[in-house]
Amino acid sequence: MPRLLLINPWITDFAAYDLWLKPLGLLYIGAYLRAAGYEIDLIDCMDRNHPSVSGLMKPGDSKPDGRGKFYKTELPKPESLHHIPRRWGRYGI
């Protein structure tokens, strides 16, 4: 059986917040490919509950209904965005 890896990448931006963000299109593609006989693996870099970030999140970063903040790694701003007075970062694992 052929095997495929699907990746939902992280976000680089000034802000990101999980309002029930799920990679729906990627999941549909995965379901279609699985039905076509492929073995599917998924890496979701935006998984706020991933064990690699669970200890790094602060209490209150997640709401009871599933919304919440993503783990953020601050990065240097791209040169074209230096005039914007906000912190740039990568959100996700």
C-alpha atoms as a PDB file:
ATOM      1  CA  MET A   1       0.000   0.000   0.000  1.00  0.00           C
ATOM      2  CA  PRO A   2       1.477   3.408  -0.947  1.00  0.00           C
ATOM      3  CA  ARG A   3       2.059   5.742   1.966  1.00  0.00           C
ATOM      4  CA  LEU A   4       1.695   9.550   1.997  1.00  0.00           C
ATOM      5  CA  LEU A   5       2.557  12.203   4.537  1.00  0.00           C
ATOM      6  CA  LEU A   6       0.274  15.246   4.738  1.00  0.00           C
ATOM      7  CA  ILE A   7       1.593  18.325   6.566  1.00  0.00           C
ATOM      8  CA  ASN A   8      -0.366  21.251   7.949  1.00  0.00           C
ATOM      9  CA  PRO A   9       2.468  23.811   8.335  1.00  0.00           C
ATOM     10  CA  TRP A  10       2.958  26.428  11.018  1.00  0.00           C
ATOM     11  CA  ILE A  11       2.035  30.095  10.566  1.00  0.00           C
ATOM     12  CA  THR A  12       4.432  33.043  10.553  1.00  0.00           C
ATOM     13  CA  ASP A  13       2.603  36.258  11.349  1.00  0.00           C
ATOM     14  CA  PHE A  14       2.107  38.972  13.947  1.00  0.00           C
ATOM     15  CA  ALA A  15      -0.779  37.133  15.608  1.00  0.00           C
ATOM     16  CA  ALA A  16      -2.658  33.849  15.421  1.00  0.00           C
ATOM     17  CA  TYR A  17      -5.501  32.536  17.534  1.00  0.00           C
ATOM     18  CA  ASP A  18      -7.267  29.199  17.335  1.00  0.00           C
ATOM     19  CA  LEU A  19     -10.960  29.740  16.679  1.00  0.00           C
ATOM     20  CA  TRP A  20     -11.516  26.025  16.084  1.00  0.00           C
ATOM     21  CA  LEU A  21      -8.891  26.050  13.331  1.00  0.00           C
ATOM     22  CA  LYS A  22      -8.576  22.631  11.760  1.00  0.00           C
ATOM     23  CA  PRO A  23      -7.009  21.737   8.400  1.00  0.00           C
ATOM     24  CA  LEU A  24     -10.368  20.748   6.913  1.00  0.00           C
ATOM     25  CA  GLY A  25      -9.259  20.771   3.278  1.00  0.00           C
ATOM     26  CA  LEU A  26      -6.203  18.683   4.076  1.00  0.00           C
ATOM     27  CA  LEU A  27      -8.350  16.250   6.051  1.00  0.00           C
ATOM     28  CA  TYR A  28     -10.733  15.901   3.094  1.00  0.00           C
ATOM     29  CA  ILE A  29      -7.792  15.192   0.796  1.00  0.00           C
ATOM     30  CA  GLY A  30      -6.492  12.625   3.274  1.00  0.00           C
ATOM     31  CA  ALA A  31      -9.885  10.910   3.434  1.00  0.00           C
ATOM     32  CA  TYR A  32     -10.111  10.803  -0.354  1.00  0.00           C
ATOM     33  CA  LEU A  33      -6.609   9.358  -0.663  1.00  0.00           C
ATOM     34  CA  ARG A  34      -7.261   6.806   2.078  1.00  0.00           C
ATOM     35  CA  ALA A  35     -10.399   5.679   0.231  1.00  0.00           C
ATOM     36  CA  ALA A  36      -8.240   5.367  -2.899  1.00  0.00           C
ATOM     37  CA  GLY A  37      -5.958   2.919  -1.097  1.00  0.00           C
ATOM     38  CA  TYR A  38      -3.204   5.105   0.348  1.00  0.00           C
ATOM     39  CA  GLU A  39      -1.949   4.883   3.904  1.00  0.00           C
ATOM     40  CA  ILE A  40      -2.050   8.426   5.283  1.00  0.00           C
ATOM     41  CA  ASP A  41       0.036  10.071   7.999  1.00  0.00           C
ATOM     42  CA  LEU A  42      -0.615  13.643   9.142  1.00  0.00           C
ATOM     43  CA  ILE A  43       1.678  16.133  10.832  1.00  0.00           C
ATOM     44  CA  ASP A  44      -0.376  19.041  12.142  1.00  0.00           C
ATOM     45  CA  CYS A  45       2.051  21.794  13.118  1.00  0.00           C
ATOM     46  CA  MET A  46      -0.895  23.820  14.429  1.00  0.00           C
ATOM     47  CA  ASP A  47      -1.930  21.202  16.997  1.00  0.00           C
ATOM     48  CA  ARG A  48      -2.082  23.143  20.267  1.00  0.00           C
ATOM     49  CA  ASN A  49      -2.437  19.885  22.216  1.00  0.00           C
ATOM     50  CA  HIS A  50       0.701  18.249  20.845  1.00  0.00           C
ATOM     51  CA  PRO A  51       2.879  16.818  23.659  1.00  0.00           C
ATOM     52  CA  SER A  52       5.885  18.886  22.536  1.00  0.00           C
ATOM     53  CA  VAL A  53       4.113  22.155  23.430  1.00  0.00           C
ATOM     54  CA  SER A  54       1.702  21.103  26.166  1.00  0.00           C
ATOM     55  CA  GLY A  55       4.226  21.887  28.910  1.00  0.00           C
ATOM     56  CA  LEU A  56       5.088  25.240  27.328  1.00  0.00           C
ATOM     57  CA  MET A  57       1.564  26.619  27.272  1.00  0.00           C
ATOM     58  CA  LYS A  58       0.346  28.774  30.161  1.00  0.00           C
ATOM     59  CA  PRO A  59      -2.817  28.083  32.135  1.00  0.00           C
ATOM     60  CA  GLY A  60      -5.593  30.073  30.534  1.00  0.00           C
ATOM     61  CA  ASP A  61      -4.146  29.751  27.015  1.00  0.00           C
ATOM     62  CA  SER A  62      -7.006  27.380  26.185  1.00  0.00           C
ATOM     63  CA  LYS A  63     -10.717  27.928  26.623  1.00  0.00           C
ATOM     64  CA  PRO A  64     -13.092  25.112  27.645  1.00  0.00           C
ATOM     65  CA  ASP A  65     -14.708  25.209  24.191  1.00  0.00           C
ATOM     66  CA  GLY A  66     -11.416  24.491  22.378  1.00  0.00           C
ATOM     67  CA  ARG A  67     -10.353  28.002  21.386  1.00  0.00           C
ATOM     68  CA  GLY A  68      -7.027  29.370  22.505  1.00  0.00           C
ATOM     69  CA  LYS A  69      -3.565  30.661  21.839  1.00  0.00           C
ATOM     70  CA  PHE A  70      -0.971  28.888  19.757  1.00  0.00           C
ATOM     71  CA  TYR A  71       2.550  28.320  20.985  1.00  0.00           C
ATOM     72  CA  LYS A  72       4.689  31.163  19.609  1.00  0.00           C
ATOM     73  CA  THR A  73       8.388  31.356  18.828  1.00  0.00           C
ATOM     74  CA  GLU A  74       9.504  34.932  18.237  1.00  0.00           C
ATOM     75  CA  LEU A  75      11.449  35.489  15.032  1.00  0.00           C
ATOM     76  CA  PRO A  76      13.179  38.490  13.487  1.00  0.00           C
ATOM     77  CA  LYS A  77      10.777  40.499  11.350  1.00  0.00           C
ATOM     78  CA  PRO A  78      11.203  40.394   7.593  1.00  0.00           C
ATOM     79  CA  GLU A  79      12.846  43.588   6.338  1.00  0.00           C
ATOM     80  CA  SER A  80       9.681  44.670   4.545  1.00  0.00           C
ATOM     81  CA  LEU A  81       7.737  44.611   7.843  1.00  0.00           C
ATOM     82  CA  HIS A  82      10.165  46.466  10.127  1.00  0.00           C
ATOM     83  CA  HIS A  83       7.947  49.559  10.147  1.00  0.00           C
ATOM     84  CA  ILE A  84       5.132  47.651  11.910  1.00  0.00           C
ATOM     85  CA  PRO A  85       5.463  47.963  15.710  1.00  0.00           C
ATOM     86  CA  ARG A  86       4.520  44.385  16.565  1.00  0.00           C
ATOM     87  CA  ARG A  87       6.406  41.191  17.316  1.00  0.00           C
ATOM     88  CA  TRP A  88       6.755  38.665  14.499  1.00  0.00           C
ATOM     89  CA  GLY A  89       6.692  34.969  15.204  1.00  0.00           C
ATOM     90  CA  ARG A  90       6.081  31.404  14.172  1.00  0.00           C
ATOM     91  CA  TYR A  91       2.928  29.869  15.612  1.00  0.00           C
ATOM     92  CA  GLY A  92       2.674  26.131  16.076  1.00  0.00           C
ATOM     93  CA  ILE A  93       5.035  23.296  16.894  1.00  0.00           C
END
